[in-house]
Amino acid sequence: MKNHSLIKVLGIVWVASNLSAIAYADYQPTRSDGSAPEGVTISTAPRYFQPVNPSAPQSPSTPTGTRRGGCFSGESAPSIFAPKGFVGITANTQPQLTWFLPDDEPVPVEFSFYTIDASGSYELEHLQMLSYEPGINQYQPPVELQSGTRYLWQLVLQCNPNRPSSALVYEAEIEFVPMSVSTISTTANASEKAETYAMAGYWYDAISILGQGEQPDVVAMRRALLNDLAILEDAIATPEH
């Protein structure tokens, strides 16, 4: 159990460092070790996003998203925009999921979505091969989420289809939690809606509503949310004693 706990912590540390680097590099090539560019100061306290009564994930305690076998030749690293140390929630029964892929040699991208039952077993609900598109990607799996059920989504980058062990695996859990429709203003813009979702603890809706937008306020909010998540993940990985 100690080894599993250590592996899980290492995975969370990598996720946190990579998210903070992506947030401040504005989706330009980032360092392969996940560090922020020179001269960048990382905020040390969440500004917008704070999970409400977060649950620990049930998925296996394995580090995901690490580089193996030189899958990417450039400086940047892929990343899913999702919590690893806790379960992210959504107010949408069919949420959009978001990730980042570097501008590098394309590889096959496999997306899968699972239901996690009460015993912790996984049932595949959806499997789809996607095209490799550098930059921010979004995908809405055709699965209707149910309240009280936990799900796992997984992104597999097949570095070498003939060597499955060389694949990079990124995964996170998600849960549907209904939200009052009146909470979101119909006249608010994307960044304002994202802030409302974030303040209420709805990570997936906050990050997905920003989409691939490049407006200054959208870019600033996306940076802030990713930095908030990196801070929270780092706190989980290195709790105060």
C-alpha atoms as a PDB file:
ATOM      1  CA  MET A   1       0.000   0.000   0.000  1.00  0.00           C
ATOM      2  CA  LYS A   2       2.888   2.354   0.760  1.00  0.00           C
ATOM      3  CA  ASN A   3       4.250   1.887  -2.766  1.00  0.00           C
ATOM      4  CA  HIS A   4       0.833   2.591  -4.288  1.00  0.00           C
ATOM      5  CA  SER A   5       0.506   5.763  -2.208  1.00  0.00           C
ATOM      6  CA  LEU A   6       3.945   6.949  -3.302  1.00  0.00           C
ATOM      7  CA  ILE A   7       3.161   6.252  -6.964  1.00  0.00           C
ATOM      8  CA  LYS A   8      -0.090   8.179  -6.691  1.00  0.00           C
ATOM      9  CA  VAL A   9       1.671  11.165  -5.108  1.00  0.00           C
ATOM     10  CA  LEU A  10       4.310  11.200  -7.849  1.00  0.00           C
ATOM     11  CA  GLY A  11       1.583  11.188 -10.482  1.00  0.00           C
ATOM     12  CA  ILE A  12      -0.190  14.112  -8.825  1.00  0.00           C
ATOM     13  CA  VAL A  13       3.068  16.082  -8.538  1.00  0.00           C
ATOM     14  CA  TRP A  14       3.696  15.672 -12.281  1.00  0.00           C
ATOM     15  CA  VAL A  15       0.152  16.764 -13.113  1.00  0.00           C
ATOM     16  CA  ALA A  16       0.415  19.845 -10.899  1.00  0.00           C
ATOM     17  CA  SER A  17       3.740  20.998 -12.316  1.00  0.00           C
ATOM     18  CA  ASN A  18       2.645  20.428 -15.902  1.00  0.00           C
ATOM     19  CA  LEU A  19      -0.650  22.281 -15.429  1.00  0.00           C
ATOM     20  CA  SER A  20       1.075  25.316 -13.954  1.00  0.00           C
ATOM     21  CA  ALA A  21       3.557  25.377 -16.823  1.00  0.00           C
ATOM     22  CA  ILE A  22       0.790  25.167 -19.419  1.00  0.00           C
ATOM     23  CA  ALA A  23      -1.214  27.873 -17.680  1.00  0.00           C
ATOM     24  CA  TYR A  24       1.596  30.410 -17.819  1.00  0.00           C
ATOM     25  CA  ALA A  25       3.039  29.472 -21.179  1.00  0.00           C
ATOM     26  CA  ASP A  26      -0.329  30.256 -22.818  1.00  0.00           C
ATOM     27  CA  TYR A  27      -0.165  26.995 -24.741  1.00  0.00           C
ATOM     28  CA  GLN A  28       3.193  27.664 -26.293  1.00  0.00           C
ATOM     29  CA  PRO A  29       5.760  24.833 -26.121  1.00  0.00           C
ATOM     30  CA  THR A  30       6.515  24.063 -22.485  1.00  0.00           C
ATOM     31  CA  ARG A  31       9.413  22.258 -20.896  1.00  0.00           C
ATOM     32  CA  SER A  32       9.231  18.488 -20.868  1.00  0.00           C
ATOM     33  CA  ASP A  33       9.745  18.390 -17.090  1.00  0.00           C
ATOM     34  CA  GLY A  34       6.614  20.490 -16.593  1.00  0.00           C
ATOM     35  CA  SER A  35       8.448  23.508 -15.191  1.00  0.00           C
ATOM     36  CA  ALA A  36       7.289  27.047 -15.863  1.00  0.00           C
ATOM     37  CA  PRO A  37       9.199  29.322 -18.263  1.00  0.00           C
ATOM     38  CA  GLU A  38      11.953  31.517 -16.852  1.00  0.00           C
ATOM     39  CA  GLY A  39      10.781  34.695 -15.189  1.00  0.00           C
ATOM     40  CA  VAL A  40       7.309  33.327 -14.453  1.00  0.00           C
ATOM     41  CA  THR A  41       5.898  33.711 -10.961  1.00  0.00           C
ATOM     42  CA  ILE A  42       3.316  31.100  -9.985  1.00  0.00           C
ATOM     43  CA  SER A  43       0.451  32.207  -7.730  1.00  0.00           C
ATOM     44  CA  THR A  44       0.383  30.288  -4.439  1.00  0.00           C
ATOM     45  CA  ALA A  45      -3.332  30.450  -3.612  1.00  0.00           C
ATOM     46  CA  PRO A  46      -6.406  29.553  -5.709  1.00  0.00           C
ATOM     47  CA  ARG A  47      -8.244  32.630  -7.000  1.00  0.00           C
ATOM     48  CA  TYR A  48     -11.402  31.166  -8.467  1.00  0.00           C
ATOM     49  CA  PHE A  49     -11.665  27.395  -8.239  1.00  0.00           C
ATOM     50  CA  GLN A  50     -12.149  25.520  -4.993  1.00  0.00           C
ATOM     51  CA  PRO A  51     -13.774  22.066  -4.953  1.00  0.00           C
ATOM     52  CA  VAL A  52     -16.730  21.601  -2.605  1.00  0.00           C
ATOM     53  CA  ASN A  53     -16.462  18.463  -0.454  1.00  0.00           C
ATOM     54  CA  PRO A  54     -14.172  16.735  -2.974  1.00  0.00           C
ATOM     55  CA  SER A  55     -14.041  12.940  -3.105  1.00  0.00           C
ATOM     56  CA  ALA A  56     -10.914  10.850  -3.516  1.00  0.00           C
ATOM     57  CA  PRO A  57     -10.683   9.001  -6.845  1.00  0.00           C
ATOM     58  CA  GLN A  58     -11.273   5.244  -7.030  1.00  0.00           C
ATOM     59  CA  SER A  59      -9.115   4.691 -10.102  1.00  0.00           C
ATOM     60  CA  PRO A  60      -5.813   2.783  -9.788  1.00  0.00           C
ATOM     61  CA  SER A  61      -2.995   4.698  -8.120  1.00  0.00           C
ATOM     62  CA  THR A  62      -0.691   4.826 -11.116  1.00  0.00           C
ATOM     63  CA  PRO A  63       1.215   7.801 -12.486  1.00  0.00           C
ATOM     64  CA  THR A  64      -0.161   8.816 -15.882  1.00  0.00           C
ATOM     65  CA  GLY A  65       1.114  11.071 -18.587  1.00  0.00           C
ATOM     66  CA  THR A  66       4.816  10.430 -18.033  1.00  0.00           C
ATOM     67  CA  ARG A  67       7.100  10.208 -21.039  1.00  0.00           C
ATOM     68  CA  ARG A  68       8.373   6.831 -22.109  1.00  0.00           C
ATOM     69  CA  GLY A  69      10.314   5.848 -25.173  1.00  0.00           C
ATOM     70  CA  GLY A  70      10.653   9.358 -26.587  1.00  0.00           C
ATOM     71  CA  CYS A  71       7.058   9.662 -27.783  1.00  0.00           C
ATOM     72  CA  PHE A  72       7.432  13.392 -28.421  1.00  0.00           C
ATOM     73  CA  SER A  73      10.585  14.993 -29.756  1.00  0.00           C
ATOM     74  CA  GLY A  74       9.748  18.582 -28.834  1.00  0.00           C
ATOM     75  CA  GLU A  75       9.907  20.487 -25.570  1.00  0.00           C
ATOM     76  CA  SER A  76       6.183  20.420 -24.809  1.00  0.00           C
ATOM     77  CA  ALA A  77       4.116  17.776 -23.055  1.00  0.00           C
ATOM     78  CA  PRO A  78       0.462  16.716 -23.363  1.00  0.00           C
ATOM     79  CA  SER A  79      -1.948  17.331 -20.496  1.00  0.00           C
ATOM     80  CA  ILE A  80      -5.604  16.705 -19.709  1.00  0.00           C
ATOM     81  CA  PHE A  81      -7.389  19.616 -18.061  1.00  0.00           C
ATOM     82  CA  ALA A  82      -8.805  17.613 -15.174  1.00  0.00           C
ATOM     83  CA  PRO A  83      -8.178  16.948 -11.481  1.00  0.00           C
ATOM     84  CA  LYS A  84      -6.121  13.892 -10.594  1.00  0.00           C
ATOM     85  CA  GLY A  85      -6.033  14.102  -6.792  1.00  0.00           C
ATOM     86  CA  PHE A  86      -9.798  14.435  -6.422  1.00  0.00           C
ATOM     87  CA  VAL A  87     -12.950  13.793  -8.464  1.00  0.00           C
ATOM     88  CA  GLY A  88     -14.033  16.700 -10.640  1.00  0.00           C
ATOM     89  CA  ILE A  89     -17.750  17.368 -10.973  1.00  0.00           C
ATOM     90  CA  THR A  90     -19.996  18.584 -13.783  1.00  0.00           C
ATOM     91  CA  ALA A  91     -23.501  20.017 -13.932  1.00  0.00           C
ATOM     92  CA  ASN A  92     -23.932  18.661 -17.468  1.00  0.00           C
ATOM     93  CA  THR A  93     -25.217  15.143 -18.151  1.00  0.00           C
ATOM     94  CA  GLN A  94     -23.119  15.139 -21.338  1.00  0.00           C
ATOM     95  CA  PRO A  95     -20.038  17.205 -20.504  1.00  0.00           C
ATOM     96  CA  GLN A  96     -17.266  18.287 -22.832  1.00  0.00           C
ATOM     97  CA  LEU A  97     -13.807  17.127 -21.788  1.00  0.00           C
ATOM     98  CA  THR A  98     -10.711  19.190 -22.485  1.00  0.00           C
ATOM     99  CA  TRP A  99      -7.016  18.502 -23.021  1.00  0.00           C
ATOM    100  CA  PHE A 100      -3.882  19.921 -24.620  1.00  0.00           C
ATOM    101  CA  LEU A 101      -1.622  18.302 -27.236  1.00  0.00           C
ATOM    102  CA  PRO A 102       1.769  19.733 -28.258  1.00  0.00           C
ATOM    103  CA  ASP A 103       2.690  20.702 -31.806  1.00  0.00           C
ATOM    104  CA  ASP A 104       4.649  17.544 -32.490  1.00  0.00           C
ATOM    105  CA  GLU A 105       4.591  14.411 -34.622  1.00  0.00           C
ATOM    106  CA  PRO A 106       0.961  13.163 -34.612  1.00  0.00           C
ATOM    107  CA  VAL A 107       0.212   9.829 -32.968  1.00  0.00           C
ATOM    108  CA  PRO A 108      -3.044   7.830 -32.724  1.00  0.00           C
ATOM    109  CA  VAL A 109      -5.334   9.180 -29.999  1.00  0.00           C
ATOM    110  CA  GLU A 110      -7.717   6.783 -28.265  1.00  0.00           C
ATOM    111  CA  PHE A 111     -10.513   8.117 -26.070  1.00  0.00           C
ATOM    112  CA  SER A 112     -12.441   5.841 -23.722  1.00  0.00           C
ATOM    113  CA  PHE A 113     -15.153   6.449 -21.148  1.00  0.00           C
ATOM    114  CA  TYR A 114     -16.035   4.063 -18.313  1.00  0.00           C
ATOM    115  CA  THR A 115     -18.668   3.688 -15.631  1.00  0.00           C
ATOM    116  CA  ILE A 116     -17.286   2.788 -12.198  1.00  0.00           C
ATOM    117  CA  ASP A 117     -19.682   0.539 -10.302  1.00  0.00           C
ATOM    118  CA  ALA A 118     -20.083   0.200  -6.532  1.00  0.00           C
ATOM    119  CA  SER A 119     -17.472  -2.558  -6.388  1.00  0.00           C
ATOM    120  CA  GLY A 120     -14.891  -0.421  -8.177  1.00  0.00           C
ATOM    121  CA  SER A 121     -15.116  -2.330 -11.466  1.00  0.00           C
ATOM    122  CA  TYR A 122     -14.980  -0.513 -14.798  1.00  0.00           C
ATOM    123  CA  GLU A 123     -17.501  -0.917 -17.602  1.00  0.00           C
ATOM    124  CA  LEU A 124     -16.600   0.538 -20.982  1.00  0.00           C
ATOM    125  CA  GLU A 125     -19.339   2.882 -22.204  1.00  0.00           C
ATOM    126  CA  HIS A 126     -17.643   4.493 -25.179  1.00  0.00           C
ATOM    127  CA  LEU A 127     -14.471   4.088 -27.230  1.00  0.00           C
ATOM    128  CA  GLN A 128     -13.427   6.428 -30.021  1.00  0.00           C
ATOM    129  CA  MET A 129     -10.278   7.037 -32.049  1.00  0.00           C
ATOM    130  CA  LEU A 130      -9.674  10.767 -32.460  1.00  0.00           C
ATOM    131  CA  SER A 131      -7.445  12.781 -34.751  1.00  0.00           C
ATOM    132  CA  TYR A 132      -4.320  14.349 -33.287  1.00  0.00           C
ATOM    133  CA  GLU A 133      -4.846  18.113 -33.212  1.00  0.00           C
ATOM    134  CA  PRO A 134      -2.139  20.324 -31.637  1.00  0.00           C
ATOM    135  CA  GLY A 135      -3.441  22.792 -29.079  1.00  0.00           C
ATOM    136  CA  ILE A 136      -6.595  22.666 -26.987  1.00  0.00           C
ATOM    137  CA  ASN A 137      -8.947  19.799 -27.812  1.00  0.00           C
ATOM    138  CA  GLN A 138     -12.484  19.100 -26.640  1.00  0.00           C
ATOM    139  CA  TYR A 139     -14.690  16.045 -26.984  1.00  0.00           C
ATOM    140  CA  GLN A 140     -18.213  15.296 -25.806  1.00  0.00           C
ATOM    141  CA  PRO A 141     -18.699  11.542 -25.352  1.00  0.00           C
ATOM    142  CA  PRO A 142     -22.208  10.293 -26.249  1.00  0.00           C
ATOM    143  CA  VAL A 143     -22.873   9.031 -22.735  1.00  0.00           C
ATOM    144  CA  GLU A 144     -25.680  10.243 -20.473  1.00  0.00           C
ATOM    145  CA  LEU A 145     -24.259  10.689 -16.971  1.00  0.00           C
ATOM    146  CA  GLN A 146     -26.370   9.678 -13.985  1.00  0.00           C
ATOM    147  CA  SER A 147     -26.343  11.344 -10.578  1.00  0.00           C
ATOM    148  CA  GLY A 148     -24.636   9.250  -7.918  1.00  0.00           C
ATOM    149  CA  THR A 149     -22.501   7.341 -10.426  1.00  0.00           C
ATOM    150  CA  ARG A 150     -18.809   7.892 -10.909  1.00  0.00           C
ATOM    151  CA  TYR A 151     -17.101   7.747 -14.294  1.00  0.00           C
ATOM    152  CA  LEU A 152     -13.553   7.547 -15.638  1.00  0.00           C
ATOM    153  CA  TRP A 153     -12.373   9.091 -18.882  1.00  0.00           C
ATOM    154  CA  GLN A 154      -9.101   8.131 -20.449  1.00  0.00           C
ATOM    155  CA  LEU A 155      -6.903   9.490 -23.211  1.00  0.00           C
ATOM    156  CA  VAL A 156      -4.268   7.165 -24.646  1.00  0.00           C
ATOM    157  CA  LEU A 157      -1.562   8.462 -26.978  1.00  0.00           C
ATOM    158  CA  GLN A 158      -0.273   5.475 -28.899  1.00  0.00           C
ATOM    159  CA  CYS A 159       3.370   6.385 -29.382  1.00  0.00           C
ATOM    160  CA  ASN A 160       4.011   3.098 -31.158  1.00  0.00           C
ATOM    161  CA  PRO A 161       0.934   0.990 -31.985  1.00  0.00           C
ATOM    162  CA  ASN A 162       3.216  -2.046 -32.222  1.00  0.00           C
ATOM    163  CA  ARG A 163       4.432  -1.464 -28.671  1.00  0.00           C
ATOM    164  CA  PRO A 164       1.440  -0.903 -26.350  1.00  0.00           C
ATOM    165  CA  SER A 165       3.794  -0.391 -23.408  1.00  0.00           C
ATOM    166  CA  SER A 166       5.069   2.823 -25.006  1.00  0.00           C
ATOM    167  CA  ALA A 167       1.644   4.479 -24.858  1.00  0.00           C
ATOM    168  CA  LEU A 168       1.052   7.560 -22.727  1.00  0.00           C
ATOM    169  CA  VAL A 169      -2.080   7.222 -20.598  1.00  0.00           C
ATOM    170  CA  TYR A 170      -3.958  10.166 -19.090  1.00  0.00           C
ATOM    171  CA  GLU A 171      -7.088   9.604 -17.032  1.00  0.00           C
ATOM    172  CA  ALA A 172      -9.377  11.307 -14.544  1.00  0.00           C
ATOM    173  CA  GLU A 173     -12.675  10.656 -12.813  1.00  0.00           C
ATOM    174  CA  ILE A 174     -15.828  12.705 -13.234  1.00  0.00           C
ATOM    175  CA  GLU A 175     -19.194  12.826 -11.500  1.00  0.00           C
ATOM    176  CA  PHE A 176     -22.491  14.489 -12.403  1.00  0.00           C
ATOM    177  CA  VAL A 177     -23.897  16.744  -9.677  1.00  0.00           C
ATOM    178  CA  PRO A 178     -27.029  18.754 -10.590  1.00  0.00           C
ATOM    179  CA  MET A 179     -26.759  22.530 -10.322  1.00  0.00           C
ATOM    180  CA  SER A 180     -29.424  25.218 -10.116  1.00  0.00           C
ATOM    181  CA  VAL A 181     -29.934  26.676 -13.590  1.00  0.00           C
ATOM    182  CA  SER A 182     -30.580  30.108 -12.091  1.00  0.00           C
ATOM    183  CA  THR A 183     -26.998  30.170 -10.820  1.00  0.00           C
ATOM    184  CA  ILE A 184     -25.671  30.957 -14.309  1.00  0.00           C
ATOM    185  CA  SER A 185     -26.657  34.295 -15.827  1.00  0.00           C
ATOM    186  CA  THR A 186     -27.938  34.081 -19.391  1.00  0.00           C
ATOM    187  CA  THR A 187     -26.280  37.404 -20.201  1.00  0.00           C
ATOM    188  CA  ALA A 188     -22.839  36.517 -18.832  1.00  0.00           C
ATOM    189  CA  ASN A 189     -19.944  35.993 -21.241  1.00  0.00           C
ATOM    190  CA  ALA A 190     -17.759  32.868 -21.332  1.00  0.00           C
ATOM    191  CA  SER A 191     -15.207  34.012 -18.756  1.00  0.00           C
ATOM    192  CA  GLU A 192     -17.948  35.192 -16.376  1.00  0.00           C
ATOM    193  CA  LYS A 193     -19.792  31.880 -16.673  1.00  0.00           C
ATOM    194  CA  ALA A 194     -16.524  30.015 -16.130  1.00  0.00           C
ATOM    195  CA  GLU A 195     -15.904  32.022 -12.969  1.00  0.00           C
ATOM    196  CA  THR A 196     -19.394  31.220 -11.656  1.00  0.00           C
ATOM    197  CA  TYR A 197     -18.925  27.509 -12.290  1.00  0.00           C
ATOM    198  CA  ALA A 198     -15.456  27.583 -10.734  1.00  0.00           C
ATOM    199  CA  MET A 199     -16.596  29.371  -7.587  1.00  0.00           C
ATOM    200  CA  ALA A 200     -19.331  26.735  -7.194  1.00  0.00           C
ATOM    201  CA  GLY A 201     -16.779  23.914  -7.524  1.00  0.00           C
ATOM    202  CA  TYR A 202     -17.748  22.710 -11.009  1.00  0.00           C
ATOM    203  CA  TRP A 203     -14.350  22.212 -12.604  1.00  0.00           C
ATOM    204  CA  TYR A 204     -15.355  20.515 -15.838  1.00  0.00           C
ATOM    205  CA  ASP A 205     -17.958  23.127 -16.760  1.00  0.00           C
ATOM    206  CA  ALA A 206     -15.677  26.024 -15.857  1.00  0.00           C
ATOM    207  CA  ILE A 207     -12.823  24.869 -18.079  1.00  0.00           C
ATOM    208  CA  SER A 208     -14.941  23.536 -20.956  1.00  0.00           C
ATOM    209  CA  ILE A 209     -17.041  26.672 -21.428  1.00  0.00           C
ATOM    210  CA  LEU A 210     -13.863  28.581 -22.271  1.00  0.00           C
ATOM    211  CA  GLY A 211     -13.315  26.219 -25.192  1.00  0.00           C
ATOM    212  CA  GLN A 212     -10.498  27.186 -27.518  1.00  0.00           C
ATOM    213  CA  GLY A 213     -11.247  30.882 -27.129  1.00  0.00           C
ATOM    214  CA  GLU A 214      -8.378  33.314 -27.611  1.00  0.00           C
ATOM    215  CA  GLN A 215     -10.034  36.477 -26.322  1.00  0.00           C
ATOM    216  CA  PRO A 216      -7.875  38.136 -23.638  1.00  0.00           C
ATOM    217  CA  ASP A 217     -10.422  37.585 -20.853  1.00  0.00           C
ATOM    218  CA  VAL A 218     -10.878  33.928 -21.829  1.00  0.00           C
ATOM    219  CA  VAL A 219      -7.129  33.297 -21.969  1.00  0.00           C
ATOM    220  CA  ALA A 220      -6.671  34.998 -18.589  1.00  0.00           C
ATOM    221  CA  MET A 221      -9.443  32.947 -16.984  1.00  0.00           C
ATOM    222  CA  ARG A 222      -8.090  29.702 -18.433  1.00  0.00           C
ATOM    223  CA  ARG A 223      -4.638  30.502 -17.072  1.00  0.00           C
ATOM    224  CA  ALA A 224      -6.108  31.283 -13.662  1.00  0.00           C
ATOM    225  CA  LEU A 225      -8.158  28.070 -13.523  1.00  0.00           C
ATOM    226  CA  LEU A 226      -5.250  25.856 -14.545  1.00  0.00           C
ATOM    227  CA  ASN A 227      -3.044  27.562 -11.992  1.00  0.00           C
ATOM    228  CA  ASP A 228      -5.711  27.074  -9.311  1.00  0.00           C
ATOM    229  CA  LEU A 229      -5.900  23.375 -10.143  1.00  0.00           C
ATOM    230  CA  ALA A 230      -2.104  23.057 -10.057  1.00  0.00           C
ATOM    231  CA  ILE A 231      -2.047  24.645  -6.585  1.00  0.00           C
ATOM    232  CA  LEU A 232      -4.728  22.267  -5.301  1.00  0.00           C
ATOM    233  CA  GLU A 233      -3.023  19.196  -6.767  1.00  0.00           C
ATOM    234  CA  ASP A 234       0.284  20.260  -5.247  1.00  0.00           C
ATOM    235  CA  ALA A 235      -1.375  20.686  -1.839  1.00  0.00           C
ATOM    236  CA  ILE A 236      -2.807  17.155  -2.071  1.00  0.00           C
ATOM    237  CA  ALA A 237       0.560  15.711  -3.040  1.00  0.00           C
ATOM    238  CA  THR A 238       2.463  17.575  -0.307  1.00  0.00           C
ATOM    239  CA  PRO A 239       0.101  18.043   2.657  1.00  0.00           C
ATOM    240  CA  GLU A 240       1.242  20.148   5.595  1.00  0.00           C
ATOM    241  CA  HIS A 241       2.260  18.276   8.714  1.00  0.00           C
END
